[in-house]
């Protein structure tokens, strides 16, 4: 790397060719993660035991257990993807996270496939998610602004949202479309924040971790946009 840079390991301070390579690798890995998610989800939905698994996941306090397990697995996957030990460990983290997302998405996608009034609801939600993600990505790169100041909002908003979700599971009330809209906005802010981090704060060798963070945000955005589309009559 060019020794003229203050921090040659940071994307923002790397040479233009290295910066471009990092960004290209990050979004290529994101694309592969999305394709892997679609493949794993399609495989799960075709299994004869899927309805029984979904019933166990969503019955009683099952969803609370699933949510807790997902948070634990997500934490592990993120740590592995951010590890400096080897690329193999990083890819293992990304793979674990993709599978975990596919499992937690199983109930909502099963309902969308088998019971939604609009047979194209998943496709519409996916296209909408893609447009929103593309617009936010363009905004982050075009402005070049550092949105790290959003971290506090995301931390507080994440804890508040988690508390509301846990209460809805315990007390059995429906969160509704307004909450889904608020969470879609939250996911959009998270995409802006993490895209900014990719531009300004990641190292040039952290493209696997960067792709995982973006994939998590895209999945969250898709989840709530799909809920909004499914709630329409």
C-alpha atoms as a PDB file:
ATOM      1  CA  UNK A   1       0.000   0.000   0.000  1.00  0.00           C
ATOM      2  CA  UNK A   2       1.033   3.569  -0.484  1.00  0.00           C
ATOM      3  CA  UNK A   3       2.953   4.784   2.569  1.00  0.00           C
ATOM      4  CA  UNK A   4       1.665   8.314   1.961  1.00  0.00           C
ATOM      5  CA  UNK A   5      -1.659   7.455   3.599  1.00  0.00           C
ATOM      6  CA  UNK A   6      -2.207   8.095   7.303  1.00  0.00           C
ATOM      7  CA  UNK A   7      -3.831   4.685   7.828  1.00  0.00           C
ATOM      8  CA  UNK A   8      -3.240   2.345   4.885  1.00  0.00           C
ATOM      9  CA  UNK A   9      -5.592  -0.286   6.314  1.00  0.00           C
ATOM     10  CA  UNK A  10      -8.695   1.898   6.369  1.00  0.00           C
ATOM     11  CA  UNK A  11     -10.850   2.032   3.229  1.00  0.00           C
ATOM     12  CA  UNK A  12     -11.130   5.818   3.388  1.00  0.00           C
ATOM     13  CA  UNK A  13      -7.353   6.206   3.481  1.00  0.00           C
ATOM     14  CA  UNK A  14      -6.441   3.413   1.055  1.00  0.00           C
ATOM     15  CA  UNK A  15      -5.364   3.873  -2.521  1.00  0.00           C
ATOM     16  CA  UNK A  16      -8.262   4.305  -4.998  1.00  0.00           C
ATOM     17  CA  UNK A  17      -7.657   0.895  -6.589  1.00  0.00           C
ATOM     18  CA  UNK A  18      -7.686  -0.846  -3.202  1.00  0.00           C
ATOM     19  CA  UNK A  19     -10.790   1.065  -2.155  1.00  0.00           C
ATOM     20  CA  UNK A  20     -12.579   0.068  -5.360  1.00  0.00           C
ATOM     21  CA  UNK A  21     -11.523  -3.574  -4.903  1.00  0.00           C
ATOM     22  CA  UNK A  22     -12.854  -3.612  -1.333  1.00  0.00           C
ATOM     23  CA  UNK A  23     -16.207  -2.146  -2.360  1.00  0.00           C
ATOM     24  CA  UNK A  24     -16.491  -4.559  -5.275  1.00  0.00           C
ATOM     25  CA  UNK A  25     -15.736  -7.560  -3.024  1.00  0.00           C
ATOM     26  CA  UNK A  26     -18.173  -6.361  -0.364  1.00  0.00           C
ATOM     27  CA  UNK A  27     -21.136  -6.064  -2.717  1.00  0.00           C
ATOM     28  CA  UNK A  28     -20.217  -9.250  -4.573  1.00  0.00           C
ATOM     29  CA  UNK A  29     -20.263 -11.126  -1.264  1.00  0.00           C
ATOM     30  CA  UNK A  30     -23.573  -9.451  -0.418  1.00  0.00           C
ATOM     31  CA  UNK A  31     -25.034 -10.660  -3.718  1.00  0.00           C
ATOM     32  CA  UNK A  32     -23.815 -14.216  -3.064  1.00  0.00           C
ATOM     33  CA  UNK A  33     -25.247 -14.093   0.478  1.00  0.00           C
ATOM     34  CA  UNK A  34     -28.659 -13.070  -0.902  1.00  0.00           C
ATOM     35  CA  UNK A  35     -28.533 -15.836  -3.523  1.00  0.00           C
ATOM     36  CA  UNK A  36     -27.530 -18.365  -0.854  1.00  0.00           C
ATOM     37  CA  UNK A  37     -30.400 -17.169   1.345  1.00  0.00           C
ATOM     38  CA  UNK A  38     -32.863 -17.670  -1.524  1.00  0.00           C
ATOM     39  CA  UNK A  39     -31.463 -21.144  -2.186  1.00  0.00           C
ATOM     40  CA  UNK A  40     -31.580 -22.267   1.452  1.00  0.00           C
ATOM     41  CA  UNK A  41     -35.058 -20.769   1.927  1.00  0.00           C
ATOM     42  CA  UNK A  42     -36.368 -22.476  -1.192  1.00  0.00           C
ATOM     43  CA  UNK A  43     -34.959 -25.790   0.034  1.00  0.00           C
ATOM     44  CA  UNK A  44     -36.527 -25.378   3.476  1.00  0.00           C
ATOM     45  CA  UNK A  45     -39.938 -24.482   2.069  1.00  0.00           C
ATOM     46  CA  UNK A  46     -39.967 -27.674   0.005  1.00  0.00           C
ATOM     47  CA  UNK A  47     -39.459 -29.965   2.997  1.00  0.00           C
ATOM     48  CA  UNK A  48     -42.438 -31.994   4.202  1.00  0.00           C
ATOM     49  CA  UNK A  49     -41.520 -31.255   7.823  1.00  0.00           C
ATOM     50  CA  UNK A  50     -41.518 -27.475   7.303  1.00  0.00           C
ATOM     51  CA  UNK A  51     -45.133 -26.918   8.522  1.00  0.00           C
ATOM     52  CA  UNK A  52     -44.455 -28.863  11.733  1.00  0.00           C
ATOM     53  CA  UNK A  53     -41.274 -26.888  12.362  1.00  0.00           C
ATOM     54  CA  UNK A  54     -43.082 -23.608  11.764  1.00  0.00           C
ATOM     55  CA  UNK A  55     -45.814 -24.617  14.207  1.00  0.00           C
ATOM     56  CA  UNK A  56     -43.204 -25.320  16.888  1.00  0.00           C
ATOM     57  CA  UNK A  57     -41.384 -22.052  16.115  1.00  0.00           C
ATOM     58  CA  UNK A  58     -44.493 -19.895  16.382  1.00  0.00           C
ATOM     59  CA  UNK A  59     -46.578 -21.798  18.932  1.00  0.00           C
ATOM     60  CA  UNK A  60     -46.794 -20.505  22.515  1.00  0.00           C
ATOM     61  CA  UNK A  61     -43.479 -19.002  23.592  1.00  0.00           C
ATOM     62  CA  UNK A  62     -41.677 -20.731  20.724  1.00  0.00           C
ATOM     63  CA  UNK A  63     -41.075 -17.518  18.809  1.00  0.00           C
ATOM     64  CA  UNK A  64     -39.444 -15.929  21.856  1.00  0.00           C
ATOM     65  CA  UNK A  65     -37.045 -18.885  22.076  1.00  0.00           C
ATOM     66  CA  UNK A  66     -36.351 -18.672  18.329  1.00  0.00           C
ATOM     67  CA  UNK A  67     -35.695 -14.938  18.606  1.00  0.00           C
ATOM     68  CA  UNK A  68     -33.277 -15.460  21.495  1.00  0.00           C
ATOM     69  CA  UNK A  69     -31.469 -18.256  19.645  1.00  0.00           C
ATOM     70  CA  UNK A  70     -31.251 -16.104  16.518  1.00  0.00           C
ATOM     71  CA  UNK A  71     -29.708 -13.237  18.463  1.00  0.00           C
ATOM     72  CA  UNK A  72     -27.120 -15.587  19.970  1.00  0.00           C
ATOM     73  CA  UNK A  73     -26.252 -17.166  16.630  1.00  0.00           C
ATOM     74  CA  UNK A  74     -26.112 -13.725  14.988  1.00  0.00           C
ATOM     75  CA  UNK A  75     -23.651 -12.499  17.619  1.00  0.00           C
ATOM     76  CA  UNK A  76     -21.445 -15.552  17.037  1.00  0.00           C
ATOM     77  CA  UNK A  77     -21.647 -15.192  13.251  1.00  0.00           C
ATOM     78  CA  UNK A  78     -20.726 -11.515  13.382  1.00  0.00           C
ATOM     79  CA  UNK A  79     -17.742 -12.250  15.620  1.00  0.00           C
ATOM     80  CA  UNK A  80     -16.543 -14.974  13.256  1.00  0.00           C
ATOM     81  CA  UNK A  81     -17.000 -12.770  10.179  1.00  0.00           C
ATOM     82  CA  UNK A  82     -15.000  -9.991  11.843  1.00  0.00           C
ATOM     83  CA  UNK A  83     -12.257 -12.385  12.990  1.00  0.00           C
ATOM     84  CA  UNK A  84      -8.681 -11.772  11.875  1.00  0.00           C
ATOM     85  CA  UNK A  85      -7.725 -15.442  12.201  1.00  0.00           C
ATOM     86  CA  UNK A  86      -8.509 -16.665   8.687  1.00  0.00           C
ATOM     87  CA  UNK A  87     -10.805 -16.117   5.727  1.00  0.00           C
ATOM     88  CA  UNK A  88     -12.275 -19.572   6.325  1.00  0.00           C
ATOM     89  CA  UNK A  89     -13.526 -18.508   9.752  1.00  0.00           C
ATOM     90  CA  UNK A  90     -14.965 -15.317   8.267  1.00  0.00           C
ATOM     91  CA  UNK A  91     -16.828 -17.238   5.576  1.00  0.00           C
ATOM     92  CA  UNK A  92     -18.119 -19.652   8.206  1.00  0.00           C
ATOM     93  CA  UNK A  93     -19.589 -16.689  10.078  1.00  0.00           C
ATOM     94  CA  UNK A  94     -21.291 -15.380   6.958  1.00  0.00           C
ATOM     95  CA  UNK A  95     -22.620 -18.841   6.104  1.00  0.00           C
ATOM     96  CA  UNK A  96     -23.991 -19.396   9.611  1.00  0.00           C
ATOM     97  CA  UNK A  97     -25.747 -16.048   9.502  1.00  0.00           C
ATOM     98  CA  UNK A  98     -27.331 -16.757   6.103  1.00  0.00           C
ATOM     99  CA  UNK A  99     -28.709 -20.089   7.353  1.00  0.00           C
ATOM    100  CA  UNK A 100     -29.976 -18.468  10.574  1.00  0.00           C
ATOM    101  CA  UNK A 101     -31.785 -15.790   8.549  1.00  0.00           C
ATOM    102  CA  UNK A 102     -33.331 -18.452   6.313  1.00  0.00           C
ATOM    103  CA  UNK A 103     -34.674 -20.319   9.342  1.00  0.00           C
ATOM    104  CA  UNK A 104     -36.156 -17.252  11.042  1.00  0.00           C
ATOM    105  CA  UNK A 105     -37.737 -16.180   7.730  1.00  0.00           C
ATOM    106  CA  UNK A 106     -39.366 -19.600   7.255  1.00  0.00           C
ATOM    107  CA  UNK A 107     -42.740 -18.809   8.941  1.00  0.00           C
ATOM    108  CA  UNK A 108     -43.410 -15.487   7.186  1.00  0.00           C
ATOM    109  CA  UNK A 109     -42.357 -16.797   3.767  1.00  0.00           C
ATOM    110  CA  UNK A 110     -44.414 -19.974   4.244  1.00  0.00           C
ATOM    111  CA  UNK A 111     -47.466 -17.804   4.912  1.00  0.00           C
ATOM    112  CA  UNK A 112     -46.635 -15.560   1.944  1.00  0.00           C
ATOM    113  CA  UNK A 113     -46.260 -18.537  -0.397  1.00  0.00           C
ATOM    114  CA  UNK A 114     -49.329 -20.482   0.741  1.00  0.00           C
ATOM    115  CA  UNK A 115     -51.840 -17.997   2.133  1.00  0.00           C
ATOM    116  CA  UNK A 116     -51.157 -14.492   0.819  1.00  0.00           C
ATOM    117  CA  UNK A 117     -53.898 -13.099  -1.410  1.00  0.00           C
ATOM    118  CA  UNK A 118     -51.313 -11.703  -3.813  1.00  0.00           C
ATOM    119  CA  UNK A 119     -49.169 -14.479  -5.365  1.00  0.00           C
ATOM    120  CA  UNK A 120     -46.518 -11.899  -6.291  1.00  0.00           C
ATOM    121  CA  UNK A 121     -46.218 -10.419  -2.807  1.00  0.00           C
ATOM    122  CA  UNK A 122     -42.690 -11.794  -2.219  1.00  0.00           C
ATOM    123  CA  UNK A 123     -41.476 -10.552  -5.585  1.00  0.00           C
ATOM    124  CA  UNK A 124     -42.994  -7.104  -5.005  1.00  0.00           C
ATOM    125  CA  UNK A 125     -41.461  -6.859  -1.536  1.00  0.00           C
ATOM    126  CA  UNK A 126     -38.104  -7.989  -2.914  1.00  0.00           C
ATOM    127  CA  UNK A 127     -38.133  -5.412  -5.719  1.00  0.00           C
ATOM    128  CA  UNK A 128     -39.157  -2.653  -3.309  1.00  0.00           C
ATOM    129  CA  UNK A 129     -36.376  -3.661  -0.935  1.00  0.00           C
ATOM    130  CA  UNK A 130     -33.891  -3.580  -3.799  1.00  0.00           C
ATOM    131  CA  UNK A 131     -34.952  -0.095  -4.874  1.00  0.00           C
ATOM    132  CA  UNK A 132     -34.778   1.277  -1.323  1.00  0.00           C
ATOM    133  CA  UNK A 133     -31.390  -0.328  -0.721  1.00  0.00           C
ATOM    134  CA  UNK A 134     -30.066   0.944  -4.042  1.00  0.00           C
ATOM    135  CA  UNK A 135     -31.265   4.485  -3.339  1.00  0.00           C
ATOM    136  CA  UNK A 136     -29.728   4.564   0.131  1.00  0.00           C
ATOM    137  CA  UNK A 137     -26.463   3.124  -1.164  1.00  0.00           C
ATOM    138  CA  UNK A 138     -26.318   5.761  -3.898  1.00  0.00           C
ATOM    139  CA  UNK A 139     -27.018   8.503  -1.355  1.00  0.00           C
ATOM    140  CA  UNK A 140     -24.247   7.309   0.940  1.00  0.00           C
ATOM    141  CA  UNK A 141     -21.677   7.103  -1.836  1.00  0.00           C
ATOM    142  CA  UNK A 142     -22.786  10.274  -3.631  1.00  0.00           C
ATOM    143  CA  UNK A 143     -22.663  12.466  -0.534  1.00  0.00           C
ATOM    144  CA  UNK A 144     -19.601  10.808   0.970  1.00  0.00           C
ATOM    145  CA  UNK A 145     -20.964  11.856   4.378  1.00  0.00           C
ATOM    146  CA  UNK A 146     -19.975   9.991   7.510  1.00  0.00           C
ATOM    147  CA  UNK A 147     -23.223   8.838   9.142  1.00  0.00           C
ATOM    148  CA  UNK A 148     -21.546   7.352  12.217  1.00  0.00           C
ATOM    149  CA  UNK A 149     -23.536   9.828  14.338  1.00  0.00           C
ATOM    150  CA  UNK A 150     -26.567   7.573  13.723  1.00  0.00           C
ATOM    151  CA  UNK A 151     -25.089   4.854  15.948  1.00  0.00           C
ATOM    152  CA  UNK A 152     -26.739   6.168  19.116  1.00  0.00           C
ATOM    153  CA  UNK A 153     -30.149   6.340  17.452  1.00  0.00           C
ATOM    154  CA  UNK A 154     -29.792   2.778  16.150  1.00  0.00           C
ATOM    155  CA  UNK A 155     -28.748   1.430  19.549  1.00  0.00           C
ATOM    156  CA  UNK A 156     -31.638   3.081  21.394  1.00  0.00           C
ATOM    157  CA  UNK A 157     -34.129   2.315  18.626  1.00  0.00           C
ATOM    158  CA  UNK A 158     -32.974  -1.306  18.489  1.00  0.00           C
ATOM    159  CA  UNK A 159     -33.496  -1.833  22.227  1.00  0.00           C
ATOM    160  CA  UNK A 160     -36.918  -0.150  22.106  1.00  0.00           C
ATOM    161  CA  UNK A 161     -38.002  -2.241  19.118  1.00  0.00           C
ATOM    162  CA  UNK A 162     -36.754  -5.438  20.766  1.00  0.00           C
ATOM    163  CA  UNK A 163     -38.671  -4.606  23.933  1.00  0.00           C
ATOM    164  CA  UNK A 164     -41.877  -4.026  21.981  1.00  0.00           C
ATOM    165  CA  UNK A 165     -41.426  -7.269  20.029  1.00  0.00           C
ATOM    166  CA  UNK A 166     -40.807  -9.291  23.200  1.00  0.00           C
ATOM    167  CA  UNK A 167     -43.885  -7.763  24.861  1.00  0.00           C
ATOM    168  CA  UNK A 168     -46.004  -8.565  21.806  1.00  0.00           C
ATOM    169  CA  UNK A 169     -44.901 -12.204  22.019  1.00  0.00           C
ATOM    170  CA  UNK A 170     -45.525 -12.468  25.778  1.00  0.00           C
ATOM    171  CA  UNK A 171     -48.869 -10.662  25.812  1.00  0.00           C
ATOM    172  CA  UNK A 172     -50.035 -11.774  22.377  1.00  0.00           C
ATOM    173  CA  UNK A 173     -50.873  -8.484  20.673  1.00  0.00           C
ATOM    174  CA  UNK A 174     -50.394  -7.660  16.997  1.00  0.00           C
ATOM    175  CA  UNK A 175     -47.768  -5.036  16.242  1.00  0.00           C
ATOM    176  CA  UNK A 176     -49.565  -3.847  13.102  1.00  0.00           C
ATOM    177  CA  UNK A 177     -48.603  -1.973   9.961  1.00  0.00           C
ATOM    178  CA  UNK A 178     -47.477   1.204  11.717  1.00  0.00           C
ATOM    179  CA  UNK A 179     -44.822  -0.703  13.635  1.00  0.00           C
ATOM    180  CA  UNK A 180     -43.753  -2.482  10.433  1.00  0.00           C
ATOM    181  CA  UNK A 181     -43.390   0.899   8.731  1.00  0.00           C
ATOM    182  CA  UNK A 182     -41.343   2.261  11.627  1.00  0.00           C
ATOM    183  CA  UNK A 183     -39.081  -0.782  11.517  1.00  0.00           C
ATOM    184  CA  UNK A 184     -38.656  -0.458   7.754  1.00  0.00           C
ATOM    185  CA  UNK A 185     -37.505   3.110   8.382  1.00  0.00           C
ATOM    186  CA  UNK A 186     -35.177   1.833  11.120  1.00  0.00           C
ATOM    187  CA  UNK A 187     -33.689  -0.691   8.674  1.00  0.00           C
ATOM    188  CA  UNK A 188     -33.220   2.069   6.092  1.00  0.00           C
ATOM    189  CA  UNK A 189     -31.289   4.166   8.622  1.00  0.00           C
ATOM    190  CA  UNK A 190     -29.182   1.111   9.479  1.00  0.00           C
ATOM    191  CA  UNK A 191     -28.341   0.624   5.790  1.00  0.00           C
ATOM    192  CA  UNK A 192     -27.250   4.248   5.542  1.00  0.00           C
ATOM    193  CA  UNK A 193     -25.163   3.914   8.705  1.00  0.00           C
ATOM    194  CA  UNK A 194     -23.443   0.673   7.671  1.00  0.00           C
ATOM    195  CA  UNK A 195     -22.823   1.838   4.109  1.00  0.00           C
ATOM    196  CA  UNK A 196     -21.155   4.916   5.561  1.00  0.00           C
ATOM    197  CA  UNK A 197     -19.054   2.688   7.814  1.00  0.00           C
ATOM    198  CA  UNK A 198     -17.975   0.660   4.800  1.00  0.00           C
ATOM    199  CA  UNK A 199     -16.796   3.831   3.088  1.00  0.00           C
ATOM    200  CA  UNK A 200     -15.095   5.436   6.081  1.00  0.00           C
ATOM    201  CA  UNK A 201     -14.222   2.969   8.827  1.00  0.00           C
ATOM    202  CA  UNK A 202     -13.730  -0.608   7.606  1.00  0.00           C
ATOM    203  CA  UNK A 203     -10.318  -2.016   6.761  1.00  0.00           C
ATOM    204  CA  UNK A 204      -9.703  -3.158   3.200  1.00  0.00           C
ATOM    205  CA  UNK A 205      -9.560  -6.812   4.310  1.00  0.00           C
ATOM    206  CA  UNK A 206     -12.938  -6.755   6.106  1.00  0.00           C
ATOM    207  CA  UNK A 207     -15.207  -7.238   3.091  1.00  0.00           C
ATOM    208  CA  UNK A 208     -16.773 -10.429   4.511  1.00  0.00           C
ATOM    209  CA  UNK A 209     -17.786  -8.666   7.733  1.00  0.00           C
ATOM    210  CA  UNK A 210     -18.993  -5.653   5.744  1.00  0.00           C
ATOM    211  CA  UNK A 211     -21.167  -7.838   3.510  1.00  0.00           C
ATOM    212  CA  UNK A 212     -22.675  -9.561   6.562  1.00  0.00           C
ATOM    213  CA  UNK A 213     -23.668  -6.233   8.126  1.00  0.00           C
ATOM    214  CA  UNK A 214     -25.321  -5.113   4.884  1.00  0.00           C
ATOM    215  CA  UNK A 215     -27.054  -8.470   4.439  1.00  0.00           C
ATOM    216  CA  UNK A 216     -28.496  -8.220   7.960  1.00  0.00           C
ATOM    217  CA  UNK A 217     -29.887  -4.768   7.156  1.00  0.00           C
ATOM    218  CA  UNK A 218     -31.326  -5.855   3.804  1.00  0.00           C
ATOM    219  CA  UNK A 219     -32.979  -8.870   5.449  1.00  0.00           C
ATOM    220  CA  UNK A 220     -34.525  -6.665   8.150  1.00  0.00           C
ATOM    221  CA  UNK A 221     -35.807  -4.216   5.547  1.00  0.00           C
ATOM    222  CA  UNK A 222     -37.257  -7.027   3.423  1.00  0.00           C
ATOM    223  CA  UNK A 223     -38.967  -8.601   6.458  1.00  0.00           C
ATOM    224  CA  UNK A 224     -40.943  -5.476   7.286  1.00  0.00           C
ATOM    225  CA  UNK A 225     -41.656  -4.433   3.712  1.00  0.00           C
ATOM    226  CA  UNK A 226     -43.046  -7.924   3.154  1.00  0.00           C
ATOM    227  CA  UNK A 227     -45.218  -7.522   6.248  1.00  0.00           C
ATOM    228  CA  UNK A 228     -46.535  -4.212   4.917  1.00  0.00           C
ATOM    229  CA  UNK A 229     -47.390  -5.749   1.542  1.00  0.00           C
ATOM    230  CA  UNK A 230     -49.049  -8.768   3.181  1.00  0.00           C
ATOM    231  CA  UNK A 231     -51.209  -6.517   5.374  1.00  0.00           C
ATOM    232  CA  UNK A 232     -52.721  -4.808   2.338  1.00  0.00           C
ATOM    233  CA  UNK A 233     -56.192  -5.920   1.285  1.00  0.00           C
END
